[in-house]
N, C-alpha and C. Protein backbone atom coordinates (compact mmCIF):
# COMPACT_ATOMS: atom_id res chain seq x y z
N MET A 1 11.49 104.69 83.07
CA MET A 1 10.96 105.69 82.15
C MET A 1 11.73 105.71 80.82
N TRP A 2 12.30 104.56 80.49
CA TRP A 2 13.05 104.50 79.23
C TRP A 2 12.17 104.76 78.03
N LEU A 3 10.87 104.46 78.14
CA LEU A 3 9.96 104.75 77.03
C LEU A 3 9.87 106.25 76.77
N SER A 4 9.94 107.04 77.87
CA SER A 4 9.89 108.49 77.70
C SER A 4 11.08 108.98 76.89
N PHE A 5 12.27 108.39 77.17
CA PHE A 5 13.48 108.77 76.44
C PHE A 5 13.36 108.43 74.97
N ILE A 6 12.89 107.21 74.68
CA ILE A 6 12.72 106.77 73.29
C ILE A 6 11.69 107.64 72.59
N PHE A 7 10.59 107.94 73.31
CA PHE A 7 9.53 108.76 72.74
C PHE A 7 10.06 110.14 72.35
N ALA A 8 10.90 110.72 73.23
CA ALA A 8 11.46 112.04 72.96
C ALA A 8 12.38 112.00 71.75
N LEU A 9 13.16 110.91 71.60
CA LEU A 9 14.03 110.79 70.43
C LEU A 9 13.23 110.70 69.15
N LEU A 10 12.12 109.97 69.18
CA LEU A 10 11.26 109.87 68.00
C LEU A 10 10.71 111.22 67.63
N VAL A 11 10.30 111.98 68.65
CA VAL A 11 9.77 113.32 68.41
C VAL A 11 10.81 114.20 67.75
N ALA A 12 12.02 114.19 68.29
CA ALA A 12 13.06 115.07 67.77
C ALA A 12 13.49 114.69 66.37
N GLY A 13 13.34 113.42 66.00
CA GLY A 13 13.83 112.98 64.70
C GLY A 13 12.82 112.94 63.61
N ALA A 14 11.55 113.26 63.89
CA ALA A 14 10.49 113.01 62.93
C ALA A 14 10.66 113.74 61.61
N LEU A 15 11.24 114.93 61.65
CA LEU A 15 11.48 115.64 60.39
C LEU A 15 12.97 115.79 60.09
N GLY A 16 13.78 114.94 60.71
CA GLY A 16 15.17 114.90 60.33
C GLY A 16 16.10 115.79 61.12
N LEU A 17 15.65 116.31 62.28
CA LEU A 17 16.56 117.13 63.06
C LEU A 17 17.65 116.31 63.72
N SER A 18 17.35 115.05 63.98
CA SER A 18 18.35 114.15 64.54
C SER A 18 17.95 112.74 64.19
N PRO A 19 18.89 111.80 64.14
CA PRO A 19 18.54 110.42 63.80
C PRO A 19 17.71 109.78 64.88
N THR A 20 16.86 108.85 64.49
CA THR A 20 16.04 108.14 65.45
C THR A 20 16.50 106.71 65.57
N PRO A 21 16.49 106.16 66.80
CA PRO A 21 16.84 104.76 66.97
C PRO A 21 15.73 103.88 66.49
N GLN A 22 16.04 102.63 66.25
CA GLN A 22 15.01 101.70 65.85
C GLN A 22 14.04 101.51 67.00
N SER A 23 12.76 101.61 66.69
CA SER A 23 11.74 101.52 67.73
C SER A 23 11.66 100.10 68.27
N PRO A 24 11.46 99.93 69.60
CA PRO A 24 11.37 98.59 70.16
C PRO A 24 10.14 97.87 69.65
N ARG A 25 10.21 96.56 69.64
CA ARG A 25 9.07 95.76 69.18
C ARG A 25 7.86 96.03 70.05
N GLN A 26 6.73 96.24 69.40
CA GLN A 26 5.51 96.55 70.12
C GLN A 26 4.86 95.26 70.65
N SER A 27 3.67 95.42 71.20
CA SER A 27 2.93 94.29 71.75
C SER A 27 2.45 93.38 70.64
N PRO A 28 2.00 92.14 70.94
CA PRO A 28 1.63 91.17 69.91
C PRO A 28 0.54 91.69 69.00
N PRO A 29 0.46 91.18 67.75
CA PRO A 29 -0.54 91.64 66.80
C PRO A 29 -1.95 91.45 67.32
N SER A 30 -2.83 92.40 67.00
CA SER A 30 -4.23 92.28 67.38
C SER A 30 -4.98 91.47 66.34
N LYS A 31 -6.21 91.12 66.67
CA LYS A 31 -7.00 90.31 65.76
C LYS A 31 -7.80 91.15 64.79
N SER A 32 -7.83 92.46 65.01
CA SER A 32 -8.72 93.31 64.23
C SER A 32 -7.96 94.44 63.56
N ARG A 33 -8.23 94.65 62.27
CA ARG A 33 -7.62 95.77 61.57
C ARG A 33 -8.11 97.09 62.15
N ARG A 34 -9.36 97.11 62.64
CA ARG A 34 -9.87 98.33 63.23
C ARG A 34 -9.11 98.67 64.50
N LEU A 35 -8.77 97.67 65.27
CA LEU A 35 -7.96 97.91 66.45
C LEU A 35 -6.59 98.43 66.06
N ALA A 36 -6.08 97.92 64.94
CA ALA A 36 -4.77 98.38 64.48
C ALA A 36 -4.83 99.86 64.15
N LEU A 37 -5.90 100.27 63.46
CA LEU A 37 -6.05 101.68 63.12
C LEU A 37 -6.12 102.53 64.37
N LYS A 38 -6.85 102.04 65.38
CA LYS A 38 -7.04 102.81 66.60
C LYS A 38 -5.77 102.89 67.43
N SER A 39 -4.89 101.89 67.30
CA SER A 39 -3.74 101.82 68.20
C SER A 39 -2.40 102.07 67.51
N TRP A 40 -2.41 102.62 66.30
CA TRP A 40 -1.14 102.94 65.65
C TRP A 40 -0.28 103.79 66.56
N PRO A 41 1.03 103.53 66.62
CA PRO A 41 1.89 104.40 67.42
C PRO A 41 2.04 105.76 66.77
N VAL A 42 2.07 106.80 67.59
CA VAL A 42 2.18 108.16 67.07
C VAL A 42 3.65 108.55 66.94
N LEU A 43 4.01 109.07 65.78
CA LEU A 43 5.35 109.61 65.58
C LEU A 43 5.21 111.11 65.45
N LEU A 44 5.65 111.85 66.45
CA LEU A 44 5.39 113.28 66.51
C LEU A 44 6.45 114.08 65.77
N ILE A 45 6.16 115.35 65.57
CA ILE A 45 7.00 116.24 64.79
C ILE A 45 7.83 117.11 65.74
N PRO A 46 9.10 117.38 65.44
CA PRO A 46 10.01 117.97 66.41
C PRO A 46 9.62 119.33 66.94
N HIS A 47 8.95 120.17 66.15
CA HIS A 47 8.67 121.50 66.65
C HIS A 47 7.59 121.52 67.72
N VAL A 48 7.00 120.35 68.02
CA VAL A 48 6.07 120.26 69.15
C VAL A 48 6.53 119.19 70.12
N ALA A 49 7.82 118.96 70.18
CA ALA A 49 8.35 117.91 71.04
C ALA A 49 7.97 118.12 72.50
N ASN A 50 7.91 119.37 72.95
CA ASN A 50 7.62 119.63 74.35
C ASN A 50 6.19 119.29 74.72
N ALA A 51 5.34 119.00 73.75
CA ALA A 51 3.94 118.70 74.06
C ALA A 51 3.76 117.36 74.73
N ALA A 52 4.70 116.43 74.55
CA ALA A 52 4.46 115.08 75.03
C ALA A 52 5.53 114.52 75.95
N THR A 53 6.67 115.14 76.05
CA THR A 53 7.78 114.50 76.76
C THR A 53 7.55 114.39 78.25
N SER A 54 6.63 115.18 78.82
CA SER A 54 6.40 115.13 80.25
C SER A 54 5.28 114.19 80.64
N LEU A 55 4.66 113.53 79.68
CA LEU A 55 3.54 112.64 79.99
C LEU A 55 4.01 111.38 80.69
N PRO A 56 3.22 110.90 81.68
CA PRO A 56 3.56 109.61 82.28
C PRO A 56 3.36 108.49 81.28
N GLU A 57 4.05 107.40 81.51
CA GLU A 57 4.00 106.28 80.56
C GLU A 57 2.58 105.81 80.31
N GLU A 58 1.78 105.68 81.38
CA GLU A 58 0.44 105.12 81.21
C GLU A 58 -0.46 106.01 80.37
N ALA A 59 -0.14 107.30 80.30
CA ALA A 59 -0.95 108.21 79.50
C ALA A 59 -0.74 108.00 78.02
N ARG A 60 0.34 107.31 77.66
CA ARG A 60 0.66 107.12 76.25
C ARG A 60 0.43 105.69 75.78
N GLN A 61 -0.15 104.86 76.61
CA GLN A 61 -0.28 103.46 76.23
C GLN A 61 -1.07 103.27 74.95
N GLY A 62 -2.08 104.11 74.74
CA GLY A 62 -2.87 103.98 73.53
C GLY A 62 -2.08 104.26 72.27
N THR A 63 -1.02 105.07 72.38
CA THR A 63 -0.23 105.39 71.20
C THR A 63 0.96 104.46 71.04
N MET A 64 1.35 103.77 72.10
CA MET A 64 2.51 102.89 72.03
C MET A 64 2.14 101.46 71.66
N GLY A 65 0.87 101.08 71.87
CA GLY A 65 0.46 99.72 71.59
C GLY A 65 0.39 99.47 70.10
N ALA A 66 0.65 98.24 69.70
CA ALA A 66 0.64 97.89 68.28
C ALA A 66 -0.61 97.12 67.93
N GLY A 67 -1.02 97.23 66.69
CA GLY A 67 -2.07 96.38 66.18
C GLY A 67 -1.41 95.24 65.42
N ASN A 68 -1.91 94.93 64.20
CA ASN A 68 -1.24 93.88 63.44
C ASN A 68 0.10 94.40 62.95
N LYS A 69 1.00 93.49 62.64
CA LYS A 69 2.40 93.85 62.37
C LYS A 69 2.54 94.82 61.21
N GLU A 70 1.86 94.54 60.10
CA GLU A 70 2.04 95.36 58.91
C GLU A 70 1.54 96.79 59.12
N ASP A 71 0.40 96.92 59.82
CA ASP A 71 -0.21 98.23 59.98
C ASP A 71 0.46 99.06 61.06
N SER A 72 1.26 98.45 61.93
CA SER A 72 1.70 99.12 63.13
C SER A 72 3.17 99.48 63.15
N GLU A 73 3.92 99.12 62.13
CA GLU A 73 5.32 99.47 62.12
C GLU A 73 5.47 101.00 62.07
N PRO A 74 6.37 101.55 62.88
CA PRO A 74 6.60 103.00 62.85
C PRO A 74 7.03 103.44 61.45
N ILE A 75 6.56 104.62 61.04
CA ILE A 75 6.97 105.17 59.76
C ILE A 75 8.27 105.95 59.96
N PRO A 76 9.33 105.65 59.20
CA PRO A 76 10.58 106.40 59.35
C PRO A 76 10.35 107.89 59.12
N TYR A 77 11.04 108.73 59.87
CA TYR A 77 10.79 110.16 59.80
C TYR A 77 11.04 110.72 58.41
N GLU A 78 11.95 110.09 57.65
CA GLU A 78 12.24 110.62 56.31
C GLU A 78 11.09 110.39 55.34
N LYS A 79 10.13 109.56 55.72
CA LYS A 79 8.98 109.31 54.85
C LYS A 79 7.91 110.39 54.98
N TYR A 80 8.00 111.21 56.03
CA TYR A 80 7.02 112.28 56.21
C TYR A 80 7.32 113.41 55.23
N LYS A 81 6.27 113.95 54.64
CA LYS A 81 6.41 115.03 53.67
C LYS A 81 5.61 116.23 54.13
N LYS A 82 6.26 117.38 54.19
CA LYS A 82 5.57 118.61 54.57
C LYS A 82 5.18 119.37 53.32
N LEU A 83 3.89 119.69 53.19
CA LEU A 83 3.38 120.40 52.03
C LEU A 83 3.45 121.90 52.25
N PRO A 84 3.36 122.70 51.19
CA PRO A 84 3.44 124.16 51.33
C PRO A 84 2.40 124.74 52.29
N SER A 85 1.26 124.09 52.42
CA SER A 85 0.21 124.57 53.32
C SER A 85 0.58 124.44 54.78
N GLY A 86 1.57 123.61 55.07
CA GLY A 86 1.93 123.31 56.46
C GLY A 86 1.51 121.92 56.89
N LEU A 87 0.66 121.28 56.10
CA LEU A 87 0.25 119.91 56.39
C LEU A 87 1.43 118.96 56.20
N THR A 88 1.59 118.01 57.13
CA THR A 88 2.62 116.99 57.02
C THR A 88 1.94 115.63 56.96
N LEU A 89 2.41 114.74 56.07
CA LEU A 89 1.75 113.46 55.90
C LEU A 89 2.75 112.37 55.56
N ALA A 90 2.31 111.13 55.78
CA ALA A 90 3.12 109.96 55.41
C ALA A 90 2.19 108.78 55.19
N ASP A 91 2.49 107.99 54.17
CA ASP A 91 1.71 106.79 53.90
C ASP A 91 2.25 105.63 54.72
N GLN A 92 1.33 104.81 55.22
CA GLN A 92 1.70 103.65 56.02
C GLN A 92 1.85 102.44 55.11
N PRO A 93 3.03 101.80 55.06
CA PRO A 93 3.17 100.58 54.27
C PRO A 93 2.18 99.53 54.75
N GLN A 94 1.54 98.87 53.82
CA GLN A 94 0.51 97.91 54.20
C GLN A 94 0.42 96.84 53.11
N THR A 95 0.64 95.60 53.50
CA THR A 95 0.68 94.52 52.51
C THR A 95 -0.57 93.67 52.51
N ARG A 96 -1.38 93.77 53.54
CA ARG A 96 -2.52 92.85 53.65
C ARG A 96 -3.73 93.32 52.85
N VAL A 97 -3.81 94.60 52.55
CA VAL A 97 -4.96 95.13 51.84
C VAL A 97 -4.63 95.29 50.37
N ILE A 98 -5.48 94.76 49.51
CA ILE A 98 -5.27 94.89 48.07
C ILE A 98 -5.65 96.30 47.65
N ARG A 99 -4.70 97.02 47.06
CA ARG A 99 -4.96 98.39 46.63
C ARG A 99 -5.32 98.41 45.15
N ASP A 100 -6.23 99.29 44.80
CA ASP A 100 -6.67 99.43 43.42
C ASP A 100 -6.10 100.74 42.87
N PRO A 101 -5.02 100.67 42.09
CA PRO A 101 -4.38 101.89 41.58
C PRO A 101 -5.30 102.73 40.71
N SER A 102 -6.37 102.13 40.18
CA SER A 102 -7.28 102.90 39.33
C SER A 102 -8.18 103.81 40.16
N LYS A 103 -8.18 103.61 41.46
CA LYS A 103 -9.02 104.42 42.34
C LYS A 103 -8.14 105.30 43.22
N ILE A 104 -7.61 106.33 42.60
CA ILE A 104 -6.74 107.28 43.29
C ILE A 104 -7.55 108.53 43.62
N VAL A 105 -7.41 109.01 44.84
CA VAL A 105 -8.18 110.17 45.28
C VAL A 105 -7.67 111.45 44.62
N LYS A 106 -8.60 112.23 44.10
CA LYS A 106 -8.29 113.53 43.52
C LYS A 106 -9.45 114.47 43.82
N LYS A 107 -9.32 115.72 43.46
CA LYS A 107 -10.40 116.66 43.68
C LYS A 107 -11.64 116.18 42.92
N GLY A 108 -12.75 116.13 43.61
CA GLY A 108 -13.99 115.64 43.03
C GLY A 108 -14.29 114.19 43.36
N SER A 109 -13.33 113.46 43.91
CA SER A 109 -13.56 112.07 44.30
C SER A 109 -14.51 112.02 45.50
N LYS A 110 -15.41 111.06 45.50
CA LYS A 110 -16.23 110.80 46.68
C LYS A 110 -15.56 109.67 47.45
N VAL A 111 -15.28 109.91 48.73
CA VAL A 111 -14.48 108.96 49.49
C VAL A 111 -15.15 108.57 50.80
N ASN A 112 -14.89 107.34 51.21
CA ASN A 112 -15.29 106.83 52.53
C ASN A 112 -14.00 106.62 53.33
N VAL A 113 -13.88 107.29 54.46
CA VAL A 113 -12.63 107.25 55.22
C VAL A 113 -12.88 106.84 56.67
N GLN A 114 -12.16 105.83 57.13
CA GLN A 114 -12.12 105.51 58.55
C GLN A 114 -11.01 106.35 59.17
N TRP A 115 -11.23 106.84 60.39
CA TRP A 115 -10.29 107.80 60.95
C TRP A 115 -10.14 107.66 62.46
N VAL A 116 -8.99 108.10 62.94
CA VAL A 116 -8.71 108.23 64.37
C VAL A 116 -8.14 109.62 64.58
N LEU A 117 -8.63 110.33 65.60
CA LEU A 117 -8.16 111.68 65.91
C LEU A 117 -7.45 111.68 67.26
N ARG A 118 -6.25 112.27 67.28
CA ARG A 118 -5.50 112.42 68.53
C ARG A 118 -5.00 113.87 68.65
N LYS A 119 -4.76 114.26 69.90
CA LYS A 119 -4.12 115.55 70.13
C LYS A 119 -2.61 115.39 69.92
N ALA A 120 -1.90 116.51 69.92
CA ALA A 120 -0.46 116.47 69.66
C ALA A 120 0.30 115.67 70.70
N ASN A 121 -0.23 115.57 71.93
CA ASN A 121 0.45 114.81 72.97
C ASN A 121 0.17 113.32 72.89
N GLY A 122 -0.58 112.90 71.87
CA GLY A 122 -0.85 111.48 71.69
C GLY A 122 -2.16 111.01 72.27
N TYR A 123 -2.85 111.85 73.02
CA TYR A 123 -4.11 111.44 73.63
C TYR A 123 -5.16 111.14 72.57
N PHE A 124 -5.79 109.98 72.70
CA PHE A 124 -6.90 109.61 71.82
C PHE A 124 -8.09 110.51 72.11
N VAL A 125 -8.73 111.02 71.05
CA VAL A 125 -9.90 111.87 71.20
C VAL A 125 -11.16 111.16 70.72
N ASP A 126 -11.16 110.69 69.48
CA ASP A 126 -12.36 110.04 68.93
C ASP A 126 -11.96 109.30 67.67
N SER A 127 -12.89 108.49 67.16
CA SER A 127 -12.63 107.75 65.93
C SER A 127 -13.94 107.33 65.29
N SER A 128 -13.88 106.97 64.03
CA SER A 128 -15.06 106.46 63.35
C SER A 128 -15.49 105.13 63.95
N GLU A 129 -14.55 104.36 64.48
CA GLU A 129 -14.90 103.10 65.12
C GLU A 129 -15.76 103.35 66.36
N VAL A 130 -15.36 104.31 67.17
CA VAL A 130 -16.13 104.65 68.37
C VAL A 130 -17.52 105.16 67.97
N GLN A 131 -17.60 105.84 66.85
CA GLN A 131 -18.88 106.37 66.37
C GLN A 131 -19.64 105.34 65.54
N GLY A 132 -19.60 104.08 65.95
CA GLY A 132 -20.38 103.04 65.29
C GLY A 132 -19.74 102.48 64.05
N ASP A 133 -18.45 102.71 63.87
CA ASP A 133 -17.73 102.20 62.71
C ASP A 133 -18.26 102.79 61.40
N VAL A 134 -18.82 103.99 61.50
CA VAL A 134 -19.36 104.68 60.32
C VAL A 134 -18.27 105.55 59.72
N PRO A 135 -17.91 105.35 58.45
CA PRO A 135 -16.85 106.15 57.84
C PRO A 135 -17.30 107.59 57.61
N PHE A 136 -16.33 108.47 57.49
CA PHE A 136 -16.60 109.85 57.10
C PHE A 136 -16.66 109.87 55.58
N ILE A 137 -17.81 110.27 55.04
CA ILE A 137 -18.03 110.27 53.59
C ILE A 137 -18.13 111.71 53.10
N PHE A 138 -17.32 112.05 52.12
CA PHE A 138 -17.36 113.41 51.59
C PHE A 138 -16.79 113.43 50.18
N THR A 139 -17.03 114.52 49.49
CA THR A 139 -16.46 114.74 48.16
C THR A 139 -15.29 115.71 48.30
N VAL A 140 -14.14 115.30 47.83
CA VAL A 140 -12.93 116.09 48.00
C VAL A 140 -13.08 117.44 47.30
N GLY A 141 -12.86 118.51 48.05
CA GLY A 141 -12.91 119.85 47.49
C GLY A 141 -14.23 120.57 47.65
N ASP A 142 -15.24 119.90 48.26
CA ASP A 142 -16.55 120.56 48.36
C ASP A 142 -16.76 121.29 49.68
N GLY A 143 -15.74 121.32 50.54
CA GLY A 143 -15.85 122.04 51.81
C GLY A 143 -16.45 121.25 52.94
N THR A 144 -16.79 120.00 52.70
CA THR A 144 -17.39 119.16 53.74
C THR A 144 -16.37 118.75 54.79
N ALA A 145 -15.10 118.64 54.41
CA ALA A 145 -14.03 118.23 55.32
C ALA A 145 -13.19 119.43 55.72
N ILE A 146 -12.58 119.36 56.90
CA ILE A 146 -11.64 120.40 57.30
C ILE A 146 -10.50 120.45 56.28
N ALA A 147 -9.87 121.60 56.16
CA ALA A 147 -8.90 121.81 55.08
C ALA A 147 -7.76 120.80 55.10
N GLY A 148 -7.23 120.49 56.27
CA GLY A 148 -6.11 119.55 56.35
C GLY A 148 -6.49 118.14 55.96
N PHE A 149 -7.72 117.75 56.29
CA PHE A 149 -8.21 116.42 55.92
C PHE A 149 -8.48 116.37 54.43
N ASP A 150 -9.08 117.43 53.90
CA ASP A 150 -9.43 117.51 52.49
C ASP A 150 -8.17 117.42 51.62
N GLU A 151 -7.16 118.16 51.99
CA GLU A 151 -5.89 118.12 51.26
C GLU A 151 -5.15 116.82 51.51
N GLY A 152 -5.27 116.30 52.72
CA GLY A 152 -4.49 115.14 53.13
C GLY A 152 -4.86 113.83 52.46
N VAL A 153 -6.08 113.71 51.95
CA VAL A 153 -6.48 112.45 51.32
C VAL A 153 -6.10 112.39 49.84
N VAL A 154 -5.79 113.53 49.24
CA VAL A 154 -5.47 113.56 47.81
C VAL A 154 -4.23 112.70 47.53
N GLY A 155 -4.34 111.85 46.52
CA GLY A 155 -3.24 110.97 46.16
C GLY A 155 -3.31 109.60 46.81
N MET A 156 -4.21 109.43 47.77
CA MET A 156 -4.37 108.11 48.39
C MET A 156 -5.03 107.15 47.41
N VAL A 157 -4.81 105.86 47.65
CA VAL A 157 -5.42 104.81 46.85
C VAL A 157 -6.39 104.04 47.72
N GLN A 158 -7.48 103.59 47.14
CA GLN A 158 -8.43 102.78 47.90
C GLN A 158 -7.70 101.61 48.57
N GLY A 159 -7.90 101.46 49.86
CA GLY A 159 -7.21 100.43 50.62
C GLY A 159 -5.95 100.93 51.31
N GLY A 160 -5.53 102.16 51.00
CA GLY A 160 -4.32 102.70 51.60
C GLY A 160 -4.57 103.34 52.95
N THR A 161 -3.52 103.55 53.69
CA THR A 161 -3.59 104.21 54.99
C THR A 161 -2.56 105.33 55.05
N ARG A 162 -2.87 106.36 55.83
CA ARG A 162 -2.00 107.54 55.87
C ARG A 162 -2.11 108.20 57.24
N ARG A 163 -1.07 108.91 57.59
CA ARG A 163 -1.06 109.70 58.82
C ARG A 163 -0.94 111.17 58.46
N LEU A 164 -1.76 111.99 59.10
CA LEU A 164 -1.79 113.42 58.83
C LEU A 164 -1.44 114.20 60.08
N VAL A 165 -0.53 115.13 59.95
CA VAL A 165 -0.19 116.06 61.03
C VAL A 165 -0.76 117.41 60.59
N VAL A 166 -1.89 117.79 61.20
CA VAL A 166 -2.68 118.93 60.71
C VAL A 166 -2.48 120.15 61.61
N PRO A 167 -1.87 121.22 61.10
CA PRO A 167 -1.77 122.45 61.90
C PRO A 167 -3.16 123.01 62.18
N LEU A 168 -3.29 123.76 63.27
CA LEU A 168 -4.62 124.19 63.71
C LEU A 168 -5.32 125.08 62.70
N ASN A 169 -4.58 125.84 61.91
CA ASN A 169 -5.25 126.69 60.92
C ASN A 169 -5.88 125.88 59.79
N LEU A 170 -5.54 124.58 59.70
CA LEU A 170 -6.15 123.69 58.70
C LEU A 170 -7.11 122.70 59.36
N ALA A 171 -7.44 122.96 60.63
CA ALA A 171 -8.28 122.02 61.37
C ALA A 171 -9.69 122.59 61.56
N TYR A 172 -10.13 122.71 62.81
CA TYR A 172 -11.53 123.06 63.08
C TYR A 172 -11.72 124.56 63.28
N SER A 173 -11.23 125.35 62.35
CA SER A 173 -11.33 126.81 62.46
C SER A 173 -12.76 127.31 62.32
N GLN A 174 -13.65 126.50 61.74
CA GLN A 174 -15.05 126.89 61.58
C GLN A 174 -15.94 126.36 62.70
N GLY A 175 -15.33 125.76 63.71
CA GLY A 175 -16.10 125.28 64.85
C GLY A 175 -16.39 123.79 64.78
N LEU A 176 -17.10 123.32 65.81
CA LEU A 176 -17.36 121.89 65.97
C LEU A 176 -18.85 121.55 65.99
N ASP A 177 -19.69 122.53 65.69
CA ASP A 177 -21.13 122.27 65.67
C ASP A 177 -21.49 121.35 64.51
N ASN A 178 -22.61 120.66 64.65
CA ASN A 178 -23.09 119.79 63.58
C ASN A 178 -23.25 120.60 62.29
N GLY A 179 -22.80 120.03 61.20
CA GLY A 179 -22.87 120.71 59.92
C GLY A 179 -21.58 121.41 59.54
N ARG A 180 -20.67 121.56 60.51
CA ARG A 180 -19.38 122.15 60.21
C ARG A 180 -18.48 121.10 59.54
N PRO A 181 -17.39 121.54 58.90
CA PRO A 181 -16.50 120.58 58.25
C PRO A 181 -15.98 119.53 59.23
N GLY A 182 -15.92 118.28 58.76
CA GLY A 182 -15.52 117.17 59.59
C GLY A 182 -14.21 116.54 59.15
N PRO A 183 -13.93 115.37 59.72
CA PRO A 183 -14.80 114.57 60.59
C PRO A 183 -14.89 115.17 61.98
N LEU A 184 -16.10 115.23 62.52
CA LEU A 184 -16.32 115.88 63.80
C LEU A 184 -16.26 114.89 64.95
N PRO A 185 -15.56 115.24 66.03
CA PRO A 185 -15.65 114.42 67.24
C PRO A 185 -17.07 114.50 67.77
N LYS A 186 -17.51 113.44 68.41
CA LYS A 186 -18.88 113.35 68.86
C LYS A 186 -18.93 113.26 70.38
N GLY A 187 -19.88 113.96 70.97
CA GLY A 187 -20.03 113.92 72.42
C GLY A 187 -19.36 115.11 73.09
N PHE A 188 -19.81 115.43 74.29
CA PHE A 188 -19.33 116.61 75.00
C PHE A 188 -17.83 116.55 75.27
N GLY A 189 -17.35 115.42 75.79
CA GLY A 189 -15.94 115.30 76.15
C GLY A 189 -14.99 115.49 74.99
N PRO A 190 -15.14 114.69 73.92
CA PRO A 190 -14.26 114.86 72.76
C PRO A 190 -14.33 116.26 72.14
N LYS A 191 -15.53 116.81 72.05
CA LYS A 191 -15.66 118.15 71.48
C LYS A 191 -14.94 119.20 72.33
N GLN A 192 -15.07 119.05 73.66
CA GLN A 192 -14.41 120.01 74.55
C GLN A 192 -12.89 119.92 74.46
N GLN A 193 -12.38 118.70 74.28
CA GLN A 193 -10.93 118.54 74.13
C GLN A 193 -10.41 119.32 72.93
N ILE A 194 -11.10 119.16 71.80
CA ILE A 194 -10.65 119.84 70.58
C ILE A 194 -10.93 121.33 70.65
N LYS A 195 -12.06 121.70 71.24
CA LYS A 195 -12.37 123.12 71.38
C LYS A 195 -11.30 123.82 72.20
N ARG A 196 -10.86 123.16 73.26
CA ARG A 196 -9.81 123.75 74.10
C ARG A 196 -8.51 123.91 73.31
N VAL A 197 -8.16 122.90 72.54
CA VAL A 197 -6.95 123.00 71.72
C VAL A 197 -7.06 124.18 70.75
N MET A 198 -8.20 124.28 70.08
CA MET A 198 -8.37 125.32 69.07
C MET A 198 -8.38 126.72 69.68
N GLU A 199 -8.86 126.85 70.92
CA GLU A 199 -8.96 128.16 71.54
C GLU A 199 -7.72 128.53 72.35
N VAL A 200 -7.22 127.57 73.13
CA VAL A 200 -6.14 127.87 74.06
C VAL A 200 -4.77 127.70 73.42
N ARG A 201 -4.65 126.72 72.52
CA ARG A 201 -3.35 126.39 71.94
C ARG A 201 -3.12 126.99 70.56
N LYS A 202 -4.05 127.79 70.09
CA LYS A 202 -3.98 128.26 68.70
C LYS A 202 -2.74 129.09 68.40
N ASP A 203 -2.19 129.75 69.41
CA ASP A 203 -1.01 130.60 69.18
C ASP A 203 0.29 129.90 69.54
N VAL A 204 0.22 128.62 69.89
CA VAL A 204 1.43 127.87 70.23
C VAL A 204 2.12 127.45 68.93
N PRO A 205 3.35 127.84 68.71
CA PRO A 205 4.04 127.48 67.45
C PRO A 205 4.10 125.97 67.25
N GLY A 206 3.68 125.54 66.08
CA GLY A 206 3.77 124.12 65.74
C GLY A 206 2.69 123.25 66.33
N GLU A 207 1.70 123.80 67.00
CA GLU A 207 0.63 122.97 67.56
C GLU A 207 -0.15 122.32 66.42
N TYR A 208 -0.63 121.10 66.63
CA TYR A 208 -1.32 120.39 65.56
C TYR A 208 -2.27 119.34 66.13
N LEU A 209 -3.07 118.76 65.25
CA LEU A 209 -3.88 117.58 65.54
C LEU A 209 -3.37 116.46 64.65
N PHE A 210 -3.55 115.24 65.12
CA PHE A 210 -2.98 114.08 64.44
C PHE A 210 -4.10 113.14 64.00
N PHE A 211 -4.16 112.84 62.71
CA PHE A 211 -5.15 111.90 62.18
C PHE A 211 -4.46 110.66 61.63
N GLU A 212 -5.07 109.52 61.87
CA GLU A 212 -4.69 108.26 61.26
C GLU A 212 -5.89 107.84 60.41
N ILE A 213 -5.71 107.68 59.12
CA ILE A 213 -6.85 107.45 58.24
C ILE A 213 -6.64 106.23 57.36
N ALA A 214 -7.75 105.59 57.03
CA ALA A 214 -7.74 104.44 56.12
C ALA A 214 -8.76 104.71 55.02
N MET A 215 -8.32 104.66 53.77
CA MET A 215 -9.19 104.94 52.64
C MET A 215 -10.00 103.70 52.30
N GLN A 216 -11.26 103.72 52.68
CA GLN A 216 -12.12 102.54 52.53
C GLN A 216 -12.70 102.42 51.12
N ARG A 217 -13.05 103.56 50.54
CA ARG A 217 -13.68 103.52 49.21
C ARG A 217 -13.42 104.82 48.46
N VAL A 218 -13.18 104.70 47.17
CA VAL A 218 -12.98 105.86 46.31
C VAL A 218 -13.90 105.74 45.10
N GLN A 219 -14.68 106.78 44.84
CA GLN A 219 -15.53 106.81 43.65
C GLN A 219 -15.15 108.02 42.81
N ASN A 220 -14.73 107.76 41.58
CA ASN A 220 -14.41 108.83 40.65
C ASN A 220 -15.43 108.84 39.52
N THR A 221 -15.91 110.02 39.17
CA THR A 221 -16.92 110.13 38.13
C THR A 221 -16.32 110.05 36.74
N GLU A 222 -15.04 110.36 36.62
CA GLU A 222 -14.40 110.35 35.30
C GLU A 222 -13.70 109.02 35.05
């Protein structure tokens, strides 16, 4: 269970409460960037450390597996930035995708985003890949996206990737029915998982949802 020990250290160090050891080398690179997005390792935040430390190793395989080398390297905890709203985020270094600095996300940008949603314990819930590889398309600031997602994409560059640690008050507070702010999990099982988190875990200090996002397209009118 040495992975559990390493996982707990990563959790405790994510915002600088204690140093983290170098993460062990993950599994061989995958052939697909989409698989890399789906299998990024989760680096959790210390105030919810107790959410995952008791999980059996096999329950975390989806979060421990690596995709391609560049996309899958763990983000050092000092790279995570906590915003005044409570949202915490970090950009994933990525050398294989050409980024266009002229296409930076701001309020009013229309964006296409590929995404993966996980619970705080690392469990995979849903993704745009599972939903037919269809990106979540919205205009930043128009209320189409949940608050944490809407705020979390600002400053991204087309081709960039980012991880969002979204507190529940910035998540699905308006519900999960069709037409509510997204990206929405699809199907009974995924919806029930998030509904339970939002209803049962809402008063747990530091509870959050975890998004891994890739900025596929940015359109600015100005």
